[in-house]
Amino acid sequence: MAFSMLRLVQLMMKTIRAYIETGEPMNKAEAYGIQSLGATLVNEIDVDYFNVVGFSIYHFCIQLKALLNNEIKF
């Protein structure tokens, strides 16, 4: 399992309201979209960007390799 931590910039209430008014956070699990406007709210990401987006390709490949009994080489 992959874990990631990110830090948001310190936000003013008017910035939060403006972001909400775009409608972008309404269909997001964590109420921001790091792959679009929400990226402007993020100060730092530790570990795996793809895990934050929702799918860690690296960890998927590790698990896939284990399932295939090491039949594929990386």
PDB file of N, CA and C in Angstrom:
ATOM      1  N   MET A   1       0.844  -1.180   0.000  1.00  0.00           N
ATOM      2  CA  MET A   1       0.000   0.000   0.000  1.00  0.00           C
ATOM      3  C   MET A   1       0.885   1.238   0.000  1.00  0.00           C
ATOM      4  N   ALA A   2       0.520   2.212  -0.777  1.00  0.00           N
ATOM      5  CA  ALA A   2       1.288   3.449  -0.890  1.00  0.00           C
ATOM      6  C   ALA A   2       0.662   4.539  -0.024  1.00  0.00           C
ATOM      7  N   PHE A   3       1.508   5.300   0.613  1.00  0.00           N
ATOM      8  CA  PHE A   3       1.051   6.428   1.409  1.00  0.00           C
ATOM      9  C   PHE A   3       1.717   7.693   0.902  1.00  0.00           C
ATOM     10  N   SER A   4       0.986   8.773   0.915  1.00  0.00           N
ATOM     11  CA  SER A   4       1.534  10.065   0.523  1.00  0.00           C
ATOM     12  C   SER A   4       1.058  11.125   1.495  1.00  0.00           C
ATOM     13  N   MET A   5       1.874  12.135   1.659  1.00  0.00           N
ATOM     14  CA  MET A   5       1.498  13.270   2.488  1.00  0.00           C
ATOM     15  C   MET A   5       1.724  14.526   1.667  1.00  0.00           C
ATOM     16  N   LEU A   6       0.807  15.452   1.778  1.00  0.00           N
ATOM     17  CA  LEU A   6       1.017  16.727   1.115  1.00  0.00           C
ATOM     18  C   LEU A   6       0.674  17.854   2.060  1.00  0.00           C
ATOM     19  N   ARG A   7       1.241  18.993   1.763  1.00  0.00           N
ATOM     20  CA  ARG A   7       0.985  20.188   2.564  1.00  0.00           C
ATOM     21  C   ARG A   7       0.354  21.229   1.653  1.00  0.00           C
ATOM     22  N   LEU A   8      -0.713  21.815   2.151  1.00  0.00           N
ATOM     23  CA  LEU A   8      -1.361  22.895   1.414  1.00  0.00           C
ATOM     24  C   LEU A   8      -0.737  24.221   1.817  1.00  0.00           C
ATOM     25  N   VAL A   9      -0.795  25.180   0.916  1.00  0.00           N
ATOM     26  CA  VAL A   9      -0.345  26.523   1.264  1.00  0.00           C
ATOM     27  C   VAL A   9      -1.318  27.100   2.279  1.00  0.00           C
ATOM     28  N   GLN A  10      -0.877  28.098   3.030  1.00  0.00           N
ATOM     29  CA  GLN A  10      -1.781  28.758   3.957  1.00  0.00           C
ATOM     30  C   GLN A  10      -2.777  29.558   3.124  1.00  0.00           C
ATOM     31  N   LEU A  11      -4.047  29.260   3.306  1.00  0.00           N
ATOM     32  CA  LEU A  11      -5.079  29.828   2.444  1.00  0.00           C
ATOM     33  C   LEU A  11      -5.905  30.885   3.157  1.00  0.00           C
ATOM     34  N   MET A  12      -6.223  31.939   2.432  1.00  0.00           N
ATOM     35  CA  MET A  12      -7.149  32.946   2.940  1.00  0.00           C
ATOM     36  C   MET A  12      -8.566  32.471   2.624  1.00  0.00           C
ATOM     37  N   MET A  13      -9.511  32.871   3.426  1.00  0.00           N
ATOM     38  CA  MET A  13     -10.893  32.443   3.241  1.00  0.00           C
ATOM     39  C   MET A  13     -11.418  32.811   1.856  1.00  0.00           C
ATOM     40  N   LYS A  14     -11.028  33.971   1.329  1.00  0.00           N
ATOM     41  CA  LYS A  14     -11.524  34.361   0.002  1.00  0.00           C
ATOM     42  C   LYS A  14     -10.976  33.431  -1.080  1.00  0.00           C
ATOM     43  N   THR A  15      -9.762  32.912  -0.886  1.00  0.00           N
ATOM     44  CA  THR A  15      -9.194  31.954  -1.836  1.00  0.00           C
ATOM     45  C   THR A  15      -9.957  30.638  -1.785  1.00  0.00           C
ATOM     46  N   ILE A  16     -10.271  30.189  -0.584  1.00  0.00           N
ATOM     47  CA  ILE A  16     -11.046  28.952  -0.417  1.00  0.00           C
ATOM     48  C   ILE A  16     -12.412  29.095  -1.066  1.00  0.00           C
ATOM     49  N   ARG A  17     -13.071  30.205  -0.812  1.00  0.00           N
ATOM     50  CA  ARG A  17     -14.403  30.434  -1.402  1.00  0.00           C
ATOM     51  C   ARG A  17     -14.335  30.483  -2.932  1.00  0.00           C
ATOM     52  N   ALA A  18     -13.319  31.155  -3.456  1.00  0.00           N
ATOM     53  CA  ALA A  18     -13.173  31.249  -4.912  1.00  0.00           C
ATOM     54  C   ALA A  18     -12.956  29.866  -5.521  1.00  0.00           C
ATOM     55  N   TYR A  19     -12.167  29.040  -4.860  1.00  0.00           N
ATOM     56  CA  TYR A  19     -11.938  27.680  -5.355  1.00  0.00           C
ATOM     57  C   TYR A  19     -13.232  26.866  -5.314  1.00  0.00           C
ATOM     58  N   ILE A  20     -13.977  26.981  -4.250  1.00  0.00           N
ATOM     59  CA  ILE A  20     -15.262  26.275  -4.137  1.00  0.00           C
ATOM     60  C   ILE A  20     -16.215  26.715  -5.238  1.00  0.00           C
ATOM     61  N   GLU A  21     -16.234  28.007  -5.522  1.00  0.00           N
ATOM     62  CA  GLU A  21     -17.135  28.539  -6.555  1.00  0.00           C
ATOM     63  C   GLU A  21     -16.818  28.017  -7.954  1.00  0.00           C
ATOM     64  N   THR A  22     -15.605  27.519  -8.180  1.00  0.00           N
ATOM     65  CA  THR A  22     -15.296  26.929  -9.488  1.00  0.00           C
ATOM     66  C   THR A  22     -16.032  25.610  -9.687  1.00  0.00           C
ATOM     67  N   GLY A  23     -16.478  25.007  -8.597  1.00  0.00           N
ATOM     68  CA  GLY A  23     -17.158  23.717  -8.668  1.00  0.00           C
ATOM     69  C   GLY A  23     -16.211  22.529  -8.684  1.00  0.00           C
ATOM     70  N   GLU A  24     -14.938  22.776  -8.877  1.00  0.00           N
ATOM     71  CA  GLU A  24     -13.966  21.682  -8.970  1.00  0.00           C
ATOM     72  C   GLU A  24     -13.937  20.755  -7.755  1.00  0.00           C
ATOM     73  N   PRO A  25     -13.964  21.281  -6.531  1.00  0.00           N
ATOM     74  CA  PRO A  25     -13.830  20.369  -5.392  1.00  0.00           C
ATOM     75  C   PRO A  25     -15.075  19.531  -5.089  1.00  0.00           C
ATOM     76  N   MET A  26     -16.160  19.782  -5.768  1.00  0.00           N
ATOM     77  CA  MET A  26     -17.417  19.118  -5.422  1.00  0.00           C
ATOM     78  C   MET A  26     -17.442  17.622  -5.723  1.00  0.00           C
ATOM     79  N   ASN A  27     -16.644  17.150  -6.653  1.00  0.00           N
ATOM     80  CA  ASN A  27     -16.656  15.720  -6.959  1.00  0.00           C
ATOM     81  C   ASN A  27     -15.321  15.050  -6.636  1.00  0.00           C
ATOM     82  N   LYS A  28     -14.601  15.623  -5.693  1.00  0.00           N
ATOM     83  CA  LYS A  28     -13.292  15.092  -5.311  1.00  0.00           C
ATOM     84  C   LYS A  28     -13.355  14.503  -3.905  1.00  0.00           C
ATOM     85  N   ALA A  29     -12.691  13.372  -3.709  1.00  0.00           N
ATOM     86  CA  ALA A  29     -12.696  12.705  -2.407  1.00  0.00           C
ATOM     87  C   ALA A  29     -12.123  13.594  -1.304  1.00  0.00           C
ATOM     88  N   GLU A  30     -11.081  14.314  -1.589  1.00  0.00           N
ATOM     89  CA  GLU A  30     -10.449  15.182  -0.586  1.00  0.00           C
ATOM     90  C   GLU A  30     -10.772  16.656  -0.809  1.00  0.00           C
ATOM     91  N   ALA A  31     -11.689  16.941  -1.707  1.00  0.00           N
ATOM     92  CA  ALA A  31     -12.178  18.296  -1.997  1.00  0.00           C
ATOM     93  C   ALA A  31     -11.146  19.202  -2.667  1.00  0.00           C
ATOM     94  N   TYR A  32     -10.212  18.604  -3.390  1.00  0.00           N
ATOM     95  CA  TYR A  32      -9.309  19.380  -4.234  1.00  0.00           C
ATOM     96  C   TYR A  32      -8.878  18.479  -5.392  1.00  0.00           C
ATOM     97  N   GLY A  33      -8.553  19.088  -6.506  1.00  0.00           N
ATOM     98  CA  GLY A  33      -8.085  18.334  -7.665  1.00  0.00           C
ATOM     99  C   GLY A  33      -6.645  18.692  -7.965  1.00  0.00           C
ATOM    100  N   ILE A  34      -5.717  17.881  -7.504  1.00  0.00           N
ATOM    101  CA  ILE A  34      -4.298  18.205  -7.662  1.00  0.00           C
ATOM    102  C   ILE A  34      -3.866  18.222  -9.122  1.00  0.00           C
ATOM    103  N   GLN A  35      -4.618  17.572 -10.001  1.00  0.00           N
ATOM    104  CA  GLN A  35      -4.258  17.550 -11.412  1.00  0.00           C
ATOM    105  C   GLN A  35      -4.831  18.738 -12.176  1.00  0.00           C
ATOM    106  N   SER A  36      -5.473  19.673 -11.484  1.00  0.00           N
ATOM    107  CA  SER A  36      -5.987  20.874 -12.144  1.00  0.00           C
ATOM    108  C   SER A  36      -5.830  22.072 -11.213  1.00  0.00           C
ATOM    109  N   LEU A  37      -6.855  22.872 -11.029  1.00  0.00           N
ATOM    110  CA  LEU A  37      -6.737  24.094 -10.211  1.00  0.00           C
ATOM    111  C   LEU A  37      -6.250  23.832  -8.790  1.00  0.00           C
ATOM    112  N   GLY A  38      -6.608  22.708  -8.240  1.00  0.00           N
ATOM    113  CA  GLY A  38      -6.192  22.374  -6.879  1.00  0.00           C
ATOM    114  C   GLY A  38      -4.688  22.318  -6.709  1.00  0.00           C
ATOM    115  N   ALA A  39      -3.951  22.134  -7.793  1.00  0.00           N
ATOM    116  CA  ALA A  39      -2.485  22.110  -7.714  1.00  0.00           C
ATOM    117  C   ALA A  39      -1.935  23.431  -7.194  1.00  0.00           C
ATOM    118  N   THR A  40      -2.652  24.520  -7.416  1.00  0.00           N
ATOM    119  CA  THR A  40      -2.191  25.826  -6.935  1.00  0.00           C
ATOM    120  C   THR A  40      -2.318  25.951  -5.425  1.00  0.00           C
ATOM    121  N   LEU A  41      -3.026  25.026  -4.791  1.00  0.00           N
ATOM    122  CA  LEU A  41      -3.211  25.047  -3.342  1.00  0.00           C
ATOM    123  C   LEU A  41      -2.172  24.202  -2.611  1.00  0.00           C
ATOM    124  N   VAL A  42      -1.410  23.408  -3.348  1.00  0.00           N
ATOM    125  CA  VAL A  42      -0.462  22.459  -2.756  1.00  0.00           C
ATOM    126  C   VAL A  42       0.937  23.061  -2.716  1.00  0.00           C
ATOM    127  N   ASN A  43       1.537  22.998  -1.539  1.00  0.00           N
ATOM    128  CA  ASN A  43       2.881  23.521  -1.326  1.00  0.00           C
ATOM    129  C   ASN A  43       3.944  22.441  -1.514  1.00  0.00           C
ATOM    130  N   GLU A  44       3.657  21.210  -1.067  1.00  0.00           N
ATOM    131  CA  GLU A  44       4.668  20.156  -1.085  1.00  0.00           C
ATOM    132  C   GLU A  44       3.996  18.791  -1.096  1.00  0.00           C
ATOM    133  N   ILE A  45       4.586  17.853  -1.834  1.00  0.00           N
ATOM    134  CA  ILE A  45       4.118  16.468  -1.853  1.00  0.00           C
ATOM    135  C   ILE A  45       5.281  15.583  -1.438  1.00  0.00           C
ATOM    136  N   ASP A  46       5.062  14.736  -0.448  1.00  0.00           N
ATOM    137  CA  ASP A  46       6.059  13.746  -0.050  1.00  0.00           C
ATOM    138  C   ASP A  46       5.650  12.402  -0.634  1.00  0.00           C
ATOM    139  N   VAL A  47       6.537  11.729  -1.249  1.00  0.00           N
ATOM    140  CA  VAL A  47       6.413  10.371  -1.770  1.00  0.00           C
ATOM    141  C   VAL A  47       5.898  10.354  -3.197  1.00  0.00           C
ATOM    142  N   ASP A  48       4.668   9.949  -3.459  1.00  0.00           N
ATOM    143  CA  ASP A  48       4.232   9.551  -4.794  1.00  0.00           C
ATOM    144  C   ASP A  48       3.076  10.406  -5.315  1.00  0.00           C
ATOM    145  N   TYR A  49       3.354  11.254  -6.313  1.00  0.00           N
ATOM    146  CA  TYR A  49       2.319  12.096  -6.920  1.00  0.00           C
ATOM    147  C   TYR A  49       1.160  11.255  -7.443  1.00  0.00           C
ATOM    148  N   PHE A  50       1.469  10.135  -8.088  1.00  0.00           N
ATOM    149  CA  PHE A  50       0.420   9.312  -8.679  1.00  0.00           C
ATOM    150  C   PHE A  50      -0.499   8.711  -7.622  1.00  0.00           C
ATOM    151  N   ASN A  51       0.021   8.461  -6.431  1.00  0.00           N
ATOM    152  CA  ASN A  51      -0.826   7.996  -5.340  1.00  0.00           C
ATOM    153  C   ASN A  51      -1.803   9.090  -4.923  1.00  0.00           C
ATOM    154  N   VAL A  52      -1.338  10.334  -4.911  1.00  0.00           N
ATOM    155  CA  VAL A  52      -2.214  11.457  -4.569  1.00  0.00           C
ATOM    156  C   VAL A  52      -3.318  11.594  -5.612  1.00  0.00           C
ATOM    157  N   VAL A  53      -2.967  11.436  -6.878  1.00  0.00           N
ATOM    158  CA  VAL A  53      -3.950  11.523  -7.961  1.00  0.00           C
ATOM    159  C   VAL A  53      -4.963  10.393  -7.846  1.00  0.00           C
ATOM    160  N   GLY A  54      -4.542   9.255  -7.333  1.00  0.00           N
ATOM    161  CA  GLY A  54      -5.483   8.164  -7.125  1.00  0.00           C
ATOM    162  C   GLY A  54      -5.033   6.811  -7.613  1.00  0.00           C
ATOM    163  N   PHE A  55      -3.865   6.751  -8.276  1.00  0.00           N
ATOM    164  CA  PHE A  55      -3.410   5.460  -8.778  1.00  0.00           C
ATOM    165  C   PHE A  55      -1.892   5.452  -8.857  1.00  0.00           C
ATOM    166  N   SER A  56      -1.272   4.696  -7.977  1.00  0.00           N
ATOM    167  CA  SER A  56       0.182   4.601  -7.965  1.00  0.00           C
ATOM    168  C   SER A  56       0.632   3.532  -8.957  1.00  0.00           C
ATOM    169  N   ILE A  57       1.125   3.972 -10.097  1.00  0.00           N
ATOM    170  CA  ILE A  57       1.563   3.053 -11.144  1.00  0.00           C
ATOM    171  C   ILE A  57       2.695   2.164 -10.631  1.00  0.00           C
ATOM    172  N   TYR A  58       3.633   2.746  -9.925  1.00  0.00           N
ATOM    173  CA  TYR A  58       4.771   1.981  -9.403  1.00  0.00           C
ATOM    174  C   TYR A  58       4.303   0.838  -8.512  1.00  0.00           C
ATOM    175  N   HIS A  59       3.451   1.144  -7.534  1.00  0.00           N
ATOM    176  CA  HIS A  59       2.990   0.107  -6.608  1.00  0.00           C
ATOM    177  C   HIS A  59       2.106  -0.925  -7.307  1.00  0.00           C
ATOM    178  N   PHE A  60       1.361  -0.497  -8.302  1.00  0.00           N
ATOM    179  CA  PHE A  60       0.571  -1.437  -9.097  1.00  0.00           C
ATOM    180  C   PHE A  60       1.485  -2.441  -9.803  1.00  0.00           C
ATOM    181  N   CYS A  61       2.558  -1.944 -10.398  1.00  0.00           N
ATOM    182  CA  CYS A  61       3.486  -2.830 -11.114  1.00  0.00           C
ATOM    183  C   CYS A  61       4.172  -3.808 -10.167  1.00  0.00           C
ATOM    184  N   ILE A  62       4.503  -3.366  -8.975  1.00  0.00           N
ATOM    185  CA  ILE A  62       5.106  -4.259  -7.981  1.00  0.00           C
ATOM    186  C   ILE A  62       4.134  -5.386  -7.644  1.00  0.00           C
ATOM    187  N   GLN A  63       2.876  -5.038  -7.407  1.00  0.00           N
ATOM    188  CA  GLN A  63       1.872  -6.057  -7.085  1.00  0.00           C
ATOM    189  C   GLN A  63       1.602  -6.970  -8.276  1.00  0.00           C
ATOM    190  N   LEU A  64       1.549  -6.402  -9.469  1.00  0.00           N
ATOM    191  CA  LEU A  64       1.328  -7.198 -10.675  1.00  0.00           C
ATOM    192  C   LEU A  64       2.462  -8.205 -10.867  1.00  0.00           C
ATOM    193  N   LYS A  65       3.677  -7.755 -10.658  1.00  0.00           N
ATOM    194  CA  LYS A  65       4.834  -8.644 -10.780  1.00  0.00           C
ATOM    195  C   LYS A  65       4.728  -9.799  -9.789  1.00  0.00           C
ATOM    196  N   ALA A  66       4.318  -9.510  -8.559  1.00  0.00           N
ATOM    197  CA  ALA A  66       4.161 -10.564  -7.554  1.00  0.00           C
ATOM    198  C   ALA A  66       3.076 -11.555  -7.973  1.00  0.00           C
ATOM    199  N   LEU A  67       1.990 -11.053  -8.522  1.00  0.00           N
ATOM    200  CA  LEU A  67       0.903 -11.934  -8.965  1.00  0.00           C
ATOM    201  C   LEU A  67       1.319 -12.824 -10.128  1.00  0.00           C
ATOM    202  N   LEU A  68       2.166 -12.307 -10.977  1.00  0.00           N
ATOM    203  CA  LEU A  68       2.612 -13.070 -12.148  1.00  0.00           C
ATOM    204  C   LEU A  68       3.849 -13.917 -11.840  1.00  0.00           C
ATOM    205  N   ASN A  69       4.132 -14.081 -10.560  1.00  0.00           N
ATOM    206  CA  ASN A  69       5.264 -14.915 -10.131  1.00  0.00           C
ATOM    207  C   ASN A  69       6.578 -14.506 -10.783  1.00  0.00           C
ATOM    208  N   ASN A  70       6.809 -13.230 -10.819  1.00  0.00           N
ATOM    209  CA  ASN A  70       8.075 -12.689 -11.333  1.00  0.00           C
ATOM    210  C   ASN A  70       8.328 -13.029 -12.803  1.00  0.00           C
ATOM    211  N   GLU A  71       7.280 -13.249 -13.570  1.00  0.00           N
ATOM    212  CA  GLU A  71       7.443 -13.577 -14.987  1.00  0.00           C
ATOM    213  C   GLU A  71       7.854 -12.373 -15.823  1.00  0.00           C
ATOM    214  N   ILE A  72       7.597 -11.164 -15.324  1.00  0.00           N
ATOM    215  CA  ILE A  72       8.003  -9.977 -16.065  1.00  0.00           C
ATOM    216  C   ILE A  72       9.193  -9.336 -15.362  1.00  0.00           C
ATOM    217  N   LYS A  73      10.087  -8.770 -16.126  1.00  0.00           N
ATOM    218  CA  LYS A  73      11.289  -8.140 -15.574  1.00  0.00           C
ATOM    219  C   LYS A  73      11.184  -6.628 -15.731  1.00  0.00           C
ATOM    220  N   PHE A  74      11.544  -5.897 -14.682  1.00  0.00           N
ATOM    221  CA  PHE A  74      11.560  -4.434 -14.724  1.00  0.00           C
ATOM    222  C   PHE A  74      12.989  -3.951 -14.809  1.00  0.00           C
TER     223      PHE A  74
END
